Amino acid sequence: QGQLGESGGGLVQPGGSLRLSCAASRSIFSIYTMGWYRQAPGKQRELVASITSSGSTNYADSVKGRFTISRDNAKNTVYLQMNNLKPEDTAGYYCNANQNRVSGPPRNFWGQGTQVTVSS
C-alpha cells in the first residue's frame, strides 16, 4: 500500500541508541494519531508510543524514560528515539496512523515494519 514508510532499524548493542523514522502523507499526518508498535516472536503486538496531531504523547511502561516519540509537521514524519536499548526491545517495529471517528469505525494505516535487534 505504501501509505507509511519506516526506516532506521538495525543491530545495536545493549545500552545503545537508535532512531526510527516514519514518513506519511500530509493528508494522513495532519489529522491522524501516529504511533509505533512492536511485535517480537511469540509475543503479542504492543503499542510502544503514540503522539496526537496536537502533540500529546503516550508511552508503554516498559519504555518510559528511555524512548521519545516526536513529530516534524513540516516533514510529515514521526520519530522514535530509542535510548538505553535492552535485549527485550528486540522486535519488528511498525508505524501506525490512526483516526478515531464518531461517525464510523476507526481508520488505520500501517507501515511494512523495520527490525530492531539489541544484542551483544
PDB file of N, CA and C in Angstrom:
ATOM      1  N   GLN A   1       0.821  -1.202   0.000  1.00  0.00           N
ATOM      2  CA  GLN A   1       0.000   0.000   0.000  1.00  0.00           C
ATOM      3  C   GLN A   1       0.864   1.265   0.000  1.00  0.00           C
ATOM      4  N   GLY A   2       1.946   1.220   0.775  1.00  0.00           N
ATOM      5  CA  GLY A   2       2.890   2.325   0.779  1.00  0.00           C
ATOM      6  C   GLY A   2       2.414   3.616   1.419  1.00  0.00           C
ATOM      7  N   GLN A   3       1.450   3.539   2.321  1.00  0.00           N
ATOM      8  CA  GLN A   3       0.954   4.739   2.981  1.00  0.00           C
ATOM      9  C   GLN A   3       1.948   5.300   3.996  1.00  0.00           C
ATOM     10  N   LEU A   4       2.693   4.406   4.621  1.00  0.00           N
ATOM     11  CA  LEU A   4       3.683   4.782   5.612  1.00  0.00           C
ATOM     12  C   LEU A   4       4.995   4.082   5.297  1.00  0.00           C
ATOM     13  N   GLY A   5       6.089   4.784   5.511  1.00  0.00           N
ATOM     14  CA  GLY A   5       7.392   4.217   5.247  1.00  0.00           C
ATOM     15  C   GLY A   5       8.330   4.372   6.425  1.00  0.00           C
ATOM     16  N   GLU A   6       8.743   3.245   6.995  1.00  0.00           N
ATOM     17  CA  GLU A   6       9.640   3.269   8.155  1.00  0.00           C
ATOM     18  C   GLU A   6      11.083   3.042   7.734  1.00  0.00           C
ATOM     19  N   SER A   7      11.980   3.541   8.567  1.00  0.00           N
ATOM     20  CA  SER A   7      13.396   3.314   8.375  1.00  0.00           C
ATOM     21  C   SER A   7      14.099   3.522   9.707  1.00  0.00           C
ATOM     22  N   GLY A   8      15.340   3.078   9.787  1.00  0.00           N
ATOM     23  CA  GLY A   8      16.153   3.336  10.956  1.00  0.00           C
ATOM     24  C   GLY A   8      16.445   2.136  11.829  1.00  0.00           C
ATOM     25  N   GLY A   9      15.841   0.994  11.540  1.00  0.00           N
ATOM     26  CA  GLY A   9      16.109  -0.192  12.324  1.00  0.00           C
ATOM     27  C   GLY A   9      17.504  -0.722  12.060  1.00  0.00           C
ATOM     28  N   GLY A  10      17.920  -1.646  12.909  1.00  0.00           N
ATOM     29  CA  GLY A  10      19.232  -2.226  12.750  1.00  0.00           C
ATOM     30  C   GLY A  10      19.661  -2.987  13.974  1.00  0.00           C
ATOM     31  N   LEU A  11      20.932  -3.333  14.000  1.00  0.00           N
ATOM     32  CA  LEU A  11      21.532  -4.071  15.109  1.00  0.00           C
ATOM     33  C   LEU A  11      22.304  -3.113  15.996  1.00  0.00           C
ATOM     34  N   VAL A  12      22.032  -3.177  17.287  1.00  0.00           N
ATOM     35  CA  VAL A  12      22.705  -2.307  18.239  1.00  0.00           C
ATOM     36  C   VAL A  12      22.977  -3.077  19.521  1.00  0.00           C
ATOM     37  N   GLN A  13      24.036  -2.718  20.223  1.00  0.00           N
ATOM     38  CA  GLN A  13      24.368  -3.391  21.466  1.00  0.00           C
ATOM     39  C   GLN A  13      23.543  -2.833  22.621  1.00  0.00           C
ATOM     40  N   PRO A  14      23.366  -3.610  23.689  1.00  0.00           N
ATOM     41  CA  PRO A  14      22.629  -3.111  24.847  1.00  0.00           C
ATOM     42  C   PRO A  14      23.207  -1.792  25.352  1.00  0.00           C
ATOM     43  N   GLY A  15      22.309  -0.873  25.688  1.00  0.00           N
ATOM     44  CA  GLY A  15      22.721   0.447  26.126  1.00  0.00           C
ATOM     45  C   GLY A  15      22.874   1.442  25.004  1.00  0.00           C
ATOM     46  N   GLY A  16      22.812   0.969  23.785  1.00  0.00           N
ATOM     47  CA  GLY A  16      22.952   1.833  22.635  1.00  0.00           C
ATOM     48  C   GLY A  16      21.672   2.557  22.290  1.00  0.00           C
ATOM     49  N   SER A  17      21.739   3.350  21.233  1.00  0.00           N
ATOM     50  CA  SER A  17      20.609   4.163  20.806  1.00  0.00           C
ATOM     51  C   SER A  17      20.312   3.949  19.334  1.00  0.00           C
ATOM     52  N   LEU A  18      19.076   4.207  18.992  1.00  0.00           N
ATOM     53  CA  LEU A  18      18.625   4.076  17.621  1.00  0.00           C
ATOM     54  C   LEU A  18      17.451   5.021  17.419  1.00  0.00           C
ATOM     55  N   ARG A  19      17.320   5.568  16.229  1.00  0.00           N
ATOM     56  CA  ARG A  19      16.183   6.418  15.925  1.00  0.00           C
ATOM     57  C   ARG A  19      15.433   5.892  14.720  1.00  0.00           C
ATOM     58  N   LEU A  20      14.154   5.648  14.906  1.00  0.00           N
ATOM     59  CA  LEU A  20      13.291   5.194  13.835  1.00  0.00           C
ATOM     60  C   LEU A  20      12.543   6.377  13.241  1.00  0.00           C
ATOM     61  N   SER A  21      12.302   6.311  11.945  1.00  0.00           N
ATOM     62  CA  SER A  21      11.575   7.361  11.251  1.00  0.00           C
ATOM     63  C   SER A  21      10.409   6.762  10.486  1.00  0.00           C
ATOM     64  N   CYS A  22       9.324   7.498  10.415  1.00  0.00           N
ATOM     65  CA  CYS A  22       8.151   7.078   9.666  1.00  0.00           C
ATOM     66  C   CYS A  22       7.598   8.275   8.924  1.00  0.00           C
ATOM     67  N   ALA A  23       7.608   8.184   7.610  1.00  0.00           N
ATOM     68  CA  ALA A  23       7.103   9.260   6.774  1.00  0.00           C
ATOM     69  C   ALA A  23       5.695   8.937   6.291  1.00  0.00           C
ATOM     70  N   ALA A  24       4.820   9.918   6.354  1.00  0.00           N
ATOM     71  CA  ALA A  24       3.436   9.754   5.947  1.00  0.00           C
ATOM     72  C   ALA A  24       3.032  10.867   4.996  1.00  0.00           C
ATOM     73  N   SER A  25       1.901  10.690   4.348  1.00  0.00           N
ATOM     74  CA  SER A  25       1.369  11.751   3.509  1.00  0.00           C
ATOM     75  C   SER A  25       0.832  12.868   4.383  1.00  0.00           C
ATOM     76  N   ARG A  26       0.764  14.056   3.840  1.00  0.00           N
ATOM     77  CA  ARG A  26       0.274  15.195   4.604  1.00  0.00           C
ATOM     78  C   ARG A  26      -1.172  15.007   5.046  1.00  0.00           C
ATOM     79  N   SER A  27      -2.001  14.432   4.177  1.00  0.00           N
ATOM     80  CA  SER A  27      -3.406  14.252   4.490  1.00  0.00           C
ATOM     81  C   SER A  27      -3.606  13.338   5.692  1.00  0.00           C
ATOM     82  N   ILE A  28      -2.745  12.353   5.837  1.00  0.00           N
ATOM     83  CA  ILE A  28      -2.805  11.449   6.979  1.00  0.00           C
ATOM     84  C   ILE A  28      -2.171  12.078   8.204  1.00  0.00           C
ATOM     85  N   PHE A  29      -0.988  12.619   8.020  1.00  0.00           N
ATOM     86  CA  PHE A  29      -0.198  13.109   9.133  1.00  0.00           C
ATOM     87  C   PHE A  29      -0.868  14.262   9.870  1.00  0.00           C
ATOM     88  N   SER A  30      -1.608  15.082   9.164  1.00  0.00           N
ATOM     89  CA  SER A  30      -2.169  16.283   9.756  1.00  0.00           C
ATOM     90  C   SER A  30      -3.292  16.015  10.742  1.00  0.00           C
ATOM     91  N   ILE A  31      -3.983  14.909  10.616  1.00  0.00           N
ATOM     92  CA  ILE A  31      -5.146  14.654  11.458  1.00  0.00           C
ATOM     93  C   ILE A  31      -5.095  13.331  12.211  1.00  0.00           C
ATOM     94  N   TYR A  32      -4.158  12.474  11.875  1.00  0.00           N
ATOM     95  CA  TYR A  32      -4.088  11.156  12.500  1.00  0.00           C
ATOM     96  C   TYR A  32      -3.150  11.148  13.696  1.00  0.00           C
ATOM     97  N   THR A  33      -3.492  10.311  14.661  1.00  0.00           N
ATOM     98  CA  THR A  33      -2.557   9.989  15.718  1.00  0.00           C
ATOM     99  C   THR A  33      -1.527   9.014  15.157  1.00  0.00           C
ATOM    100  N   MET A  34      -0.266   9.314  15.376  1.00  0.00           N
ATOM    101  CA  MET A  34       0.811   8.466  14.894  1.00  0.00           C
ATOM    102  C   MET A  34       1.361   7.633  16.046  1.00  0.00           C
ATOM    103  N   GLY A  35       1.690   6.395  15.756  1.00  0.00           N
ATOM    104  CA  GLY A  35       2.195   5.534  16.807  1.00  0.00           C
ATOM    105  C   GLY A  35       3.188   4.520  16.300  1.00  0.00           C
ATOM    106  N   TRP A  36       3.932   3.986  17.240  1.00  0.00           N
ATOM    107  CA  TRP A  36       4.859   2.898  16.971  1.00  0.00           C
ATOM    108  C   TRP A  36       4.431   1.667  17.755  1.00  0.00           C
ATOM    109  N   TYR A  37       4.290   0.562  17.056  1.00  0.00           N
ATOM    110  CA  TYR A  37       4.007  -0.724  17.658  1.00  0.00           C
ATOM    111  C   TYR A  37       5.201  -1.632  17.457  1.00  0.00           C
ATOM    112  N   ARG A  38       5.280  -2.650  18.282  1.00  0.00           N
ATOM    113  CA  ARG A  38       6.327  -3.648  18.078  1.00  0.00           C
ATOM    114  C   ARG A  38       5.778  -5.035  18.369  1.00  0.00           C
ATOM    115  N   GLN A  39       6.386  -6.003  17.716  1.00  0.00           N
ATOM    116  CA  GLN A  39       5.995  -7.381  17.923  1.00  0.00           C
ATOM    117  C   GLN A  39       7.214  -8.282  17.812  1.00  0.00           C
ATOM    118  N   ALA A  40       7.475  -9.017  18.882  1.00  0.00           N
ATOM    119  CA  ALA A  40       8.555  -9.979  18.910  1.00  0.00           C
ATOM    120  C   ALA A  40       7.975 -11.372  18.718  1.00  0.00           C
ATOM    121  N   PRO A  41       8.778 -12.307  18.219  1.00  0.00           N
ATOM    122  CA  PRO A  41       8.292 -13.680  18.046  1.00  0.00           C
ATOM    123  C   PRO A  41       7.730 -14.249  19.345  1.00  0.00           C
ATOM    124  N   GLY A  42       6.543 -14.830  19.271  1.00  0.00           N
ATOM    125  CA  GLY A  42       5.916 -15.414  20.436  1.00  0.00           C
ATOM    126  C   GLY A  42       5.228 -14.430  21.357  1.00  0.00           C
ATOM    127  N   LYS A  43       5.211 -13.165  20.990  1.00  0.00           N
ATOM    128  CA  LYS A  43       4.580 -12.151  21.821  1.00  0.00           C
ATOM    129  C   LYS A  43       3.540 -11.393  21.018  1.00  0.00           C
ATOM    130  N   GLN A  44       2.587 -10.815  21.727  1.00  0.00           N
ATOM    131  CA  GLN A  44       1.560 -10.023  21.084  1.00  0.00           C
ATOM    132  C   GLN A  44       2.095  -8.654  20.686  1.00  0.00           C
ATOM    133  N   ARG A  45       1.490  -8.107  19.656  1.00  0.00           N
ATOM    134  CA  ARG A  45       1.836  -6.759  19.251  1.00  0.00           C
ATOM    135  C   ARG A  45       1.447  -5.777  20.348  1.00  0.00           C
ATOM    136  N   GLU A  46       2.304  -4.833  20.618  1.00  0.00           N
ATOM    137  CA  GLU A  46       2.037  -3.863  21.662  1.00  0.00           C
ATOM    138  C   GLU A  46       2.329  -2.454  21.180  1.00  0.00           C
ATOM    139  N   LEU A  47       1.576  -1.527  21.714  1.00  0.00           N
ATOM    140  CA  LEU A  47       1.814  -0.119  21.433  1.00  0.00           C
ATOM    141  C   LEU A  47       3.000   0.351  22.256  1.00  0.00           C
ATOM    142  N   VAL A  48       3.986   0.893  21.579  1.00  0.00           N
ATOM    143  CA  VAL A  48       5.177   1.398  22.239  1.00  0.00           C
ATOM    144  C   VAL A  48       4.997   2.857  22.626  1.00  0.00           C
ATOM    145  N   ALA A  49       4.558   3.653  21.682  1.00  0.00           N
ATOM    146  CA  ALA A  49       4.381   5.082  21.920  1.00  0.00           C
ATOM    147  C   ALA A  49       3.460   5.658  20.861  1.00  0.00           C
ATOM    148  N   SER A  50       2.785   6.730  21.207  1.00  0.00           N
ATOM    149  CA  SER A  50       1.918   7.409  20.255  1.00  0.00           C
ATOM    150  C   SER A  50       1.978   8.906  20.482  1.00  0.00           C
ATOM    151  N   ILE A  51       1.611   9.634  19.452  1.00  0.00           N
ATOM    152  CA  ILE A  51       1.576  11.087  19.541  1.00  0.00           C
ATOM    153  C   ILE A  51       0.434  11.596  18.679  1.00  0.00           C
ATOM    154  N   THR A  52      -0.383  12.465  19.251  1.00  0.00           N
ATOM    155  CA  THR A  52      -1.518  13.008  18.526  1.00  0.00           C
ATOM    156  C   THR A  52      -1.079  14.161  17.639  1.00  0.00           C
ATOM    157  N   SER A  53      -2.004  14.627  16.813  1.00  0.00           N
ATOM    158  CA  SER A  53      -1.708  15.744  15.934  1.00  0.00           C
ATOM    159  C   SER A  53      -1.410  17.016  16.717  1.00  0.00           C
ATOM    160  N   SER A  54      -1.883  17.085  17.953  1.00  0.00           N
ATOM    161  CA  SER A  54      -1.627  18.242  18.796  1.00  0.00           C
ATOM    162  C   SER A  54      -0.392  18.086  19.664  1.00  0.00           C
ATOM    163  N   GLY A  55       0.249  16.916  19.606  1.00  0.00           N
ATOM    164  CA  GLY A  55       1.487  16.716  20.322  1.00  0.00           C
ATOM    165  C   GLY A  55       1.394  15.967  21.633  1.00  0.00           C
ATOM    166  N   SER A  56       0.227  15.485  21.983  1.00  0.00           N
ATOM    167  CA  SER A  56       0.078  14.711  23.208  1.00  0.00           C
ATOM    168  C   SER A  56       0.677  13.320  23.019  1.00  0.00           C
ATOM    169  N   THR A  57       1.487  12.876  23.976  1.00  0.00           N
ATOM    170  CA  THR A  57       2.198  11.606  23.848  1.00  0.00           C
ATOM    171  C   THR A  57       1.753  10.592  24.880  1.00  0.00           C
ATOM    172  N   ASN A  58       1.985   9.335  24.542  1.00  0.00           N
ATOM    173  CA  ASN A  58       1.690   8.234  25.438  1.00  0.00           C
ATOM    174  C   ASN A  58       2.739   7.155  25.222  1.00  0.00           C
ATOM    175  N   TYR A  59       3.173   6.511  26.318  1.00  0.00           N
ATOM    176  CA  TYR A  59       4.221   5.506  26.241  1.00  0.00           C
ATOM    177  C   TYR A  59       3.844   4.253  27.003  1.00  0.00           C
ATOM    178  N   ALA A  60       4.319   3.133  26.505  1.00  0.00           N
ATOM    179  CA  ALA A  60       4.221   1.903  27.262  1.00  0.00           C
ATOM    180  C   ALA A  60       5.124   2.006  28.483  1.00  0.00           C
ATOM    181  N   ASP A  61       4.717   1.379  29.577  1.00  0.00           N
ATOM    182  CA  ASP A  61       5.501   1.449  30.804  1.00  0.00           C
ATOM    183  C   ASP A  61       6.927   0.937  30.605  1.00  0.00           C
ATOM    184  N   SER A  62       7.091  -0.036  29.746  1.00  0.00           N
ATOM    185  CA  SER A  62       8.386  -0.658  29.551  1.00  0.00           C
ATOM    186  C   SER A  62       9.411   0.255  28.885  1.00  0.00           C
ATOM    187  N   VAL A  63       8.953   1.331  28.257  1.00  0.00           N
ATOM    188  CA  VAL A  63       9.880   2.206  27.542  1.00  0.00           C
ATOM    189  C   VAL A  63       9.917   3.620  28.105  1.00  0.00           C
ATOM    190  N   LYS A  64       9.109   3.913  29.098  1.00  0.00           N
ATOM    191  CA  LYS A  64       9.092   5.244  29.680  1.00  0.00           C
ATOM    192  C   LYS A  64      10.473   5.613  30.219  1.00  0.00           C
ATOM    193  N   GLY A  65      10.893   6.813  29.901  1.00  0.00           N
ATOM    194  CA  GLY A  65      12.195   7.277  30.336  1.00  0.00           C
ATOM    195  C   GLY A  65      13.326   6.907  29.404  1.00  0.00           C
ATOM    196  N   ARG A  66      13.064   6.010  28.463  1.00  0.00           N
ATOM    197  CA  ARG A  66      14.096   5.579  27.524  1.00  0.00           C
ATOM    198  C   ARG A  66      13.781   5.972  26.086  1.00  0.00           C
ATOM    199  N   PHE A  67      12.507   5.932  25.721  1.00  0.00           N
ATOM    200  CA  PHE A  67      12.085   6.244  24.357  1.00  0.00           C
ATOM    201  C   PHE A  67      11.389   7.593  24.321  1.00  0.00           C
ATOM    202  N   THR A  68      11.522   8.273  23.204  1.00  0.00           N
ATOM    203  CA  THR A  68      10.846   9.543  22.992  1.00  0.00           C
ATOM    204  C   THR A  68      10.244   9.571  21.596  1.00  0.00           C
ATOM    205  N   ILE A  69       8.951   9.818  21.523  1.00  0.00           N
ATOM    206  CA  ILE A  69       8.295   9.956  20.234  1.00  0.00           C
ATOM    207  C   ILE A  69       8.111  11.436  19.940  1.00  0.00           C
ATOM    208  N   SER A  70       8.306  11.808  18.701  1.00  0.00           N
ATOM    209  CA  SER A  70       8.159  13.195  18.294  1.00  0.00           C
ATOM    210  C   SER A  70       7.687  13.240  16.852  1.00  0.00           C
ATOM    211  N   ARG A  71       7.218  14.402  16.436  1.00  0.00           N
ATOM    212  CA  ARG A  71       6.779  14.551  15.061  1.00  0.00           C
ATOM    213  C   ARG A  71       7.243  15.864  14.494  1.00  0.00           C
ATOM    214  N   ASP A  72       7.588  15.839  13.220  1.00  0.00           N
ATOM    215  CA  ASP A  72       8.004  17.010  12.483  1.00  0.00           C
ATOM    216  C   ASP A  72       6.920  17.273  11.443  1.00  0.00           C
ATOM    217  N   ASN A  73       6.088  18.262  11.707  1.00  0.00           N
ATOM    218  CA  ASN A  73       4.956  18.529  10.829  1.00  0.00           C
ATOM    219  C   ASN A  73       5.381  19.017   9.445  1.00  0.00           C
ATOM    220  N   ALA A  74       6.505  19.693   9.379  1.00  0.00           N
ATOM    221  CA  ALA A  74       6.992  20.182   8.094  1.00  0.00           C
ATOM    222  C   ALA A  74       7.420  19.039   7.188  1.00  0.00           C
ATOM    223  N   LYS A  75       7.907  17.959   7.787  1.00  0.00           N
ATOM    224  CA  LYS A  75       8.377  16.808   7.024  1.00  0.00           C
ATOM    225  C   LYS A  75       7.388  15.655   7.001  1.00  0.00           C
ATOM    226  N   ASN A  76       6.255  15.817   7.677  1.00  0.00           N
ATOM    227  CA  ASN A  76       5.257  14.748   7.772  1.00  0.00           C
ATOM    228  C   ASN A  76       5.899  13.447   8.249  1.00  0.00           C
ATOM    229  N   THR A  77       6.704  13.562   9.265  1.00  0.00           N
ATOM    230  CA  THR A  77       7.477  12.435   9.750  1.00  0.00           C
ATOM    231  C   THR A  77       7.382  12.328  11.265  1.00  0.00           C
ATOM    232  N   VAL A  78       7.237  11.108  11.741  1.00  0.00           N
ATOM    233  CA  VAL A  78       7.256  10.832  13.167  1.00  0.00           C
ATOM    234  C   VAL A  78       8.516  10.041  13.478  1.00  0.00           C
ATOM    235  N   TYR A  79       9.111  10.328  14.625  1.00  0.00           N
ATOM    236  CA  TYR A  79      10.344   9.686  15.032  1.00  0.00           C
ATOM    237  C   TYR A  79      10.162   8.947  16.346  1.00  0.00           C
ATOM    238  N   LEU A  80      10.954   7.927  16.523  1.00  0.00           N
ATOM    239  CA  LEU A  80      11.038   7.247  17.795  1.00  0.00           C
ATOM    240  C   LEU A  80      12.507   7.162  18.171  1.00  0.00           C
ATOM    241  N   GLN A  81      12.908   8.004  19.110  1.00  0.00           N
ATOM    242  CA  GLN A  81      14.270   7.978  19.614  1.00  0.00           C
ATOM    243  C   GLN A  81      14.341   6.944  20.726  1.00  0.00           C
ATOM    244  N   MET A  82      15.172   5.947  20.552  1.00  0.00           N
ATOM    245  CA  MET A  82      15.286   4.858  21.500  1.00  0.00           C
ATOM    246  C   MET A  82      16.670   4.889  22.128  1.00  0.00           C
ATOM    247  N   ASN A  83      16.708   5.144  23.423  1.00  0.00           N
ATOM    248  CA  ASN A  83      17.957   5.186  24.166  1.00  0.00           C
ATOM    249  C   ASN A  83      18.002   4.056  25.185  1.00  0.00           C
ATOM    250  N   ASN A  84      19.210   3.741  25.623  1.00  0.00           N
ATOM    251  CA  ASN A  84      19.412   2.678  26.607  1.00  0.00           C
ATOM    252  C   ASN A  84      18.664   1.409  26.202  1.00  0.00           C
ATOM    253  N   LEU A  85      18.891   0.991  24.990  1.00  0.00           N
ATOM    254  CA  LEU A  85      18.188  -0.174  24.463  1.00  0.00           C
ATOM    255  C   LEU A  85      18.561  -1.445  25.210  1.00  0.00           C
ATOM    256  N   LYS A  86      17.572  -2.302  25.362  1.00  0.00           N
ATOM    257  CA  LYS A  86      17.729  -3.567  26.056  1.00  0.00           C
ATOM    258  C   LYS A  86      17.404  -4.720  25.120  1.00  0.00           C
ATOM    259  N   PRO A  87      17.924  -5.911  25.410  1.00  0.00           N
ATOM    260  CA  PRO A  87      17.609  -7.063  24.556  1.00  0.00           C
ATOM    261  C   PRO A  87      16.112  -7.300  24.386  1.00  0.00           C
ATOM    262  N   GLU A  88      15.329  -7.015  25.423  1.00  0.00           N
ATOM    263  CA  GLU A  88      13.897  -7.210  25.332  1.00  0.00           C
ATOM    264  C   GLU A  88      13.204  -6.218  24.404  1.00  0.00           C
ATOM    265  N   ASP A  89      13.932  -5.214  23.934  1.00  0.00           N
ATOM    266  CA  ASP A  89      13.391  -4.295  22.944  1.00  0.00           C
ATOM    267  C   ASP A  89      13.445  -4.873  21.536  1.00  0.00           C
ATOM    268  N   THR A  90      14.121  -5.982  21.377  1.00  0.00           N
ATOM    269  CA  THR A  90      14.241  -6.620  20.075  1.00  0.00           C
ATOM    270  C   THR A  90      12.867  -7.000  19.540  1.00  0.00           C
ATOM    271  N   ALA A  91      12.538  -6.510  18.363  1.00  0.00           N
ATOM    272  CA  ALA A  91      11.229  -6.757  17.772  1.00  0.00           C
ATOM    273  C   ALA A  91      11.162  -6.100  16.408  1.00  0.00           C
ATOM    274  N   GLY A  92      10.123  -6.444  15.676  1.00  0.00           N
ATOM    275  CA  GLY A  92       9.791  -5.686  14.495  1.00  0.00           C
ATOM    276  C   GLY A  92       8.970  -4.482  14.918  1.00  0.00           C
ATOM    277  N   TYR A  93       9.359  -3.323  14.452  1.00  0.00           N
ATOM    278  CA  TYR A  93       8.668  -2.091  14.817  1.00  0.00           C
ATOM    279  C   TYR A  93       7.856  -1.591  13.636  1.00  0.00           C
ATOM    280  N   TYR A  94       6.599  -1.256  13.906  1.00  0.00           N
ATOM    281  CA  TYR A  94       5.669  -0.870  12.862  1.00  0.00           C
ATOM    282  C   TYR A  94       5.069   0.493  13.142  1.00  0.00           C
ATOM    283  N   CYS A  95       5.098   1.333  12.151  1.00  0.00           N
ATOM    284  CA  CYS A  95       4.479   2.641  12.249  1.00  0.00           C
ATOM    285  C   CYS A  95       2.990   2.517  11.983  1.00  0.00           C
ATOM    286  N   ASN A  96       2.211   3.286  12.710  1.00  0.00           N
ATOM    287  CA  ASN A  96       0.762   3.254  12.575  1.00  0.00           C
ATOM    288  C   ASN A  96       0.187   4.659  12.566  1.00  0.00           C
ATOM    289  N   ALA A  97      -0.804   4.852  11.722  1.00  0.00           N
ATOM    290  CA  ALA A  97      -1.585   6.079  11.713  1.00  0.00           C
ATOM    291  C   ALA A  97      -3.023   5.719  12.024  1.00  0.00           C
ATOM    292  N   ASN A  98      -3.589   6.372  13.013  1.00  0.00           N
ATOM    293  CA  ASN A  98      -4.928   6.036  13.478  1.00  0.00           C
ATOM    294  C   ASN A  98      -5.808   7.270  13.562  1.00  0.00           C
ATOM    295  N   GLN A  99      -7.040   7.107  13.102  1.00  0.00           N
ATOM    296  CA  GLN A  99      -8.019   8.167  13.218  1.00  0.00           C
ATOM    297  C   GLN A  99      -9.281   7.582  13.830  1.00  0.00           C
ATOM    298  N   ASN A 100      -9.559   7.975  15.050  1.00  0.00           N
ATOM    299  CA  ASN A 100     -10.818   7.596  15.679  1.00  0.00           C
ATOM    300  C   ASN A 100     -11.912   8.539  15.205  1.00  0.00           C
ATOM    301  N   ARG A 101     -13.041   7.977  14.836  1.00  0.00           N
ATOM    302  CA  ARG A 101     -14.146   8.759  14.321  1.00  0.00           C
ATOM    303  C   ARG A 101     -15.424   8.454  15.088  1.00  0.00           C
ATOM    304  N   VAL A 102     -16.238   9.469  15.269  1.00  0.00           N
ATOM    305  CA  VAL A 102     -17.532   9.281  15.912  1.00  0.00           C
ATOM    306  C   VAL A 102     -18.576   8.817  14.913  1.00  0.00           C
ATOM    307  N   SER A 103     -18.337   9.046  13.630  1.00  0.00           N
ATOM    308  CA  SER A 103     -19.304   8.726  12.592  1.00  0.00           C
ATOM    309  C   SER A 103     -19.096   7.351  11.967  1.00  0.00           C
ATOM    310  N   GLY A 104     -18.077   6.633  12.396  1.00  0.00           N
ATOM    311  CA  GLY A 104     -17.803   5.331  11.833  1.00  0.00           C
ATOM    312  C   GLY A 104     -16.630   4.652  12.510  1.00  0.00           C
ATOM    313  N   PRO A 105     -16.207   3.504  11.962  1.00  0.00           N
ATOM    314  CA  PRO A 105     -15.088   2.783  12.554  1.00  0.00           C
ATOM    315  C   PRO A 105     -13.784   3.550  12.384  1.00  0.00           C
ATOM    316  N   PRO A 106     -12.813   3.279  13.226  1.00  0.00           N
ATOM    317  CA  PRO A 106     -11.527   3.967  13.106  1.00  0.00           C
ATOM    318  C   PRO A 106     -10.807   3.573  11.827  1.00  0.00           C
ATOM    319  N   ARG A 107      -9.980   4.471  11.348  1.00  0.00           N
ATOM    320  CA  ARG A 107      -9.161   4.209  10.181  1.00  0.00           C
ATOM    321  C   ARG A 107      -7.721   3.983  10.612  1.00  0.00           C
ATOM    322  N   ASN A 108      -7.078   3.000  10.004  1.00  0.00           N
ATOM    323  CA  ASN A 108      -5.700   2.668  10.338  1.00  0.00           C
ATOM    324  C   ASN A 108      -4.874   2.436   9.085  1.00  0.00           C
ATOM    325  N   PHE A 109      -3.657   2.915   9.122  1.00  0.00           N
ATOM    326  CA  PHE A 109      -2.670   2.648   8.094  1.00  0.00           C
ATOM    327  C   PHE A 109      -1.416   2.121   8.772  1.00  0.00           C
ATOM    328  N   TRP A 110      -0.775   1.159   8.128  1.00  0.00           N
ATOM    329  CA  TRP A 110       0.400   0.512   8.702  1.00  0.00           C
ATOM    330  C   TRP A 110       1.584   0.557   7.762  1.00  0.00           C
ATOM    331  N   GLY A 111       2.752   0.703   8.343  1.00  0.00           N
ATOM    332  CA  GLY A 111       3.978   0.568   7.590  1.00  0.00           C
ATOM    333  C   GLY A 111       4.380  -0.887   7.492  1.00  0.00           C
ATOM    334  N   GLN A 112       5.388  -1.163   6.688  1.00  0.00           N
ATOM    335  CA  GLN A 112       5.822  -2.537   6.479  1.00  0.00           C
ATOM    336  C   GLN A 112       6.704  -3.063   7.600  1.00  0.00           C
ATOM    337  N   GLY A 113       7.207  -2.193   8.429  1.00  0.00           N
ATOM    338  CA  GLY A 113       7.993  -2.601   9.571  1.00  0.00           C
ATOM    339  C   GLY A 113       9.489  -2.458   9.365  1.00  0.00           C
ATOM    340  N   THR A 114      10.191  -2.291  10.466  1.00  0.00           N
ATOM    341  CA  THR A 114      11.640  -2.251  10.454  1.00  0.00           C
ATOM    342  C   THR A 114      12.147  -3.015  11.673  1.00  0.00           C
ATOM    343  N   GLN A 115      13.157  -3.823  11.485  1.00  0.00           N
ATOM    344  CA  GLN A 115      13.641  -4.709  12.537  1.00  0.00           C
ATOM    345  C   GLN A 115      14.649  -4.003  13.434  1.00  0.00           C
ATOM    346  N   VAL A 116      14.436  -4.142  14.731  1.00  0.00           N
ATOM    347  CA  VAL A 116      15.375  -3.651  15.733  1.00  0.00           C
ATOM    348  C   VAL A 116      15.885  -4.851  16.518  1.00  0.00           C
ATOM    349  N   THR A 117      17.183  -5.035  16.517  1.00  0.00           N
ATOM    350  CA  THR A 117      17.791  -6.138  17.233  1.00  0.00           C
ATOM    351  C   THR A 117      18.824  -5.592  18.206  1.00  0.00           C
ATOM    352  N   VAL A 118      18.652  -5.916  19.479  1.00  0.00           N
ATOM    353  CA  VAL A 118      19.557  -5.462  20.529  1.00  0.00           C
ATOM    354  C   VAL A 118      20.281  -6.683  21.070  1.00  0.00           C
ATOM    355  N   SER A 119      21.555  -6.755  20.812  1.00  0.00           N
ATOM    356  CA  SER A 119      22.326  -7.929  21.195  1.00  0.00           C
ATOM    357  C   SER A 119      23.793  -7.571  21.358  1.00  0.00           C
ATOM    358  N   SER A 120      24.443  -8.236  22.298  1.00  0.00           N
ATOM    359  CA  SER A 120      25.868  -8.067  22.497  1.00  0.00           C
ATOM    360  C   SER A 120      26.654  -9.186  21.844  1.00  0.00           C
TER     361      SER A 120
END
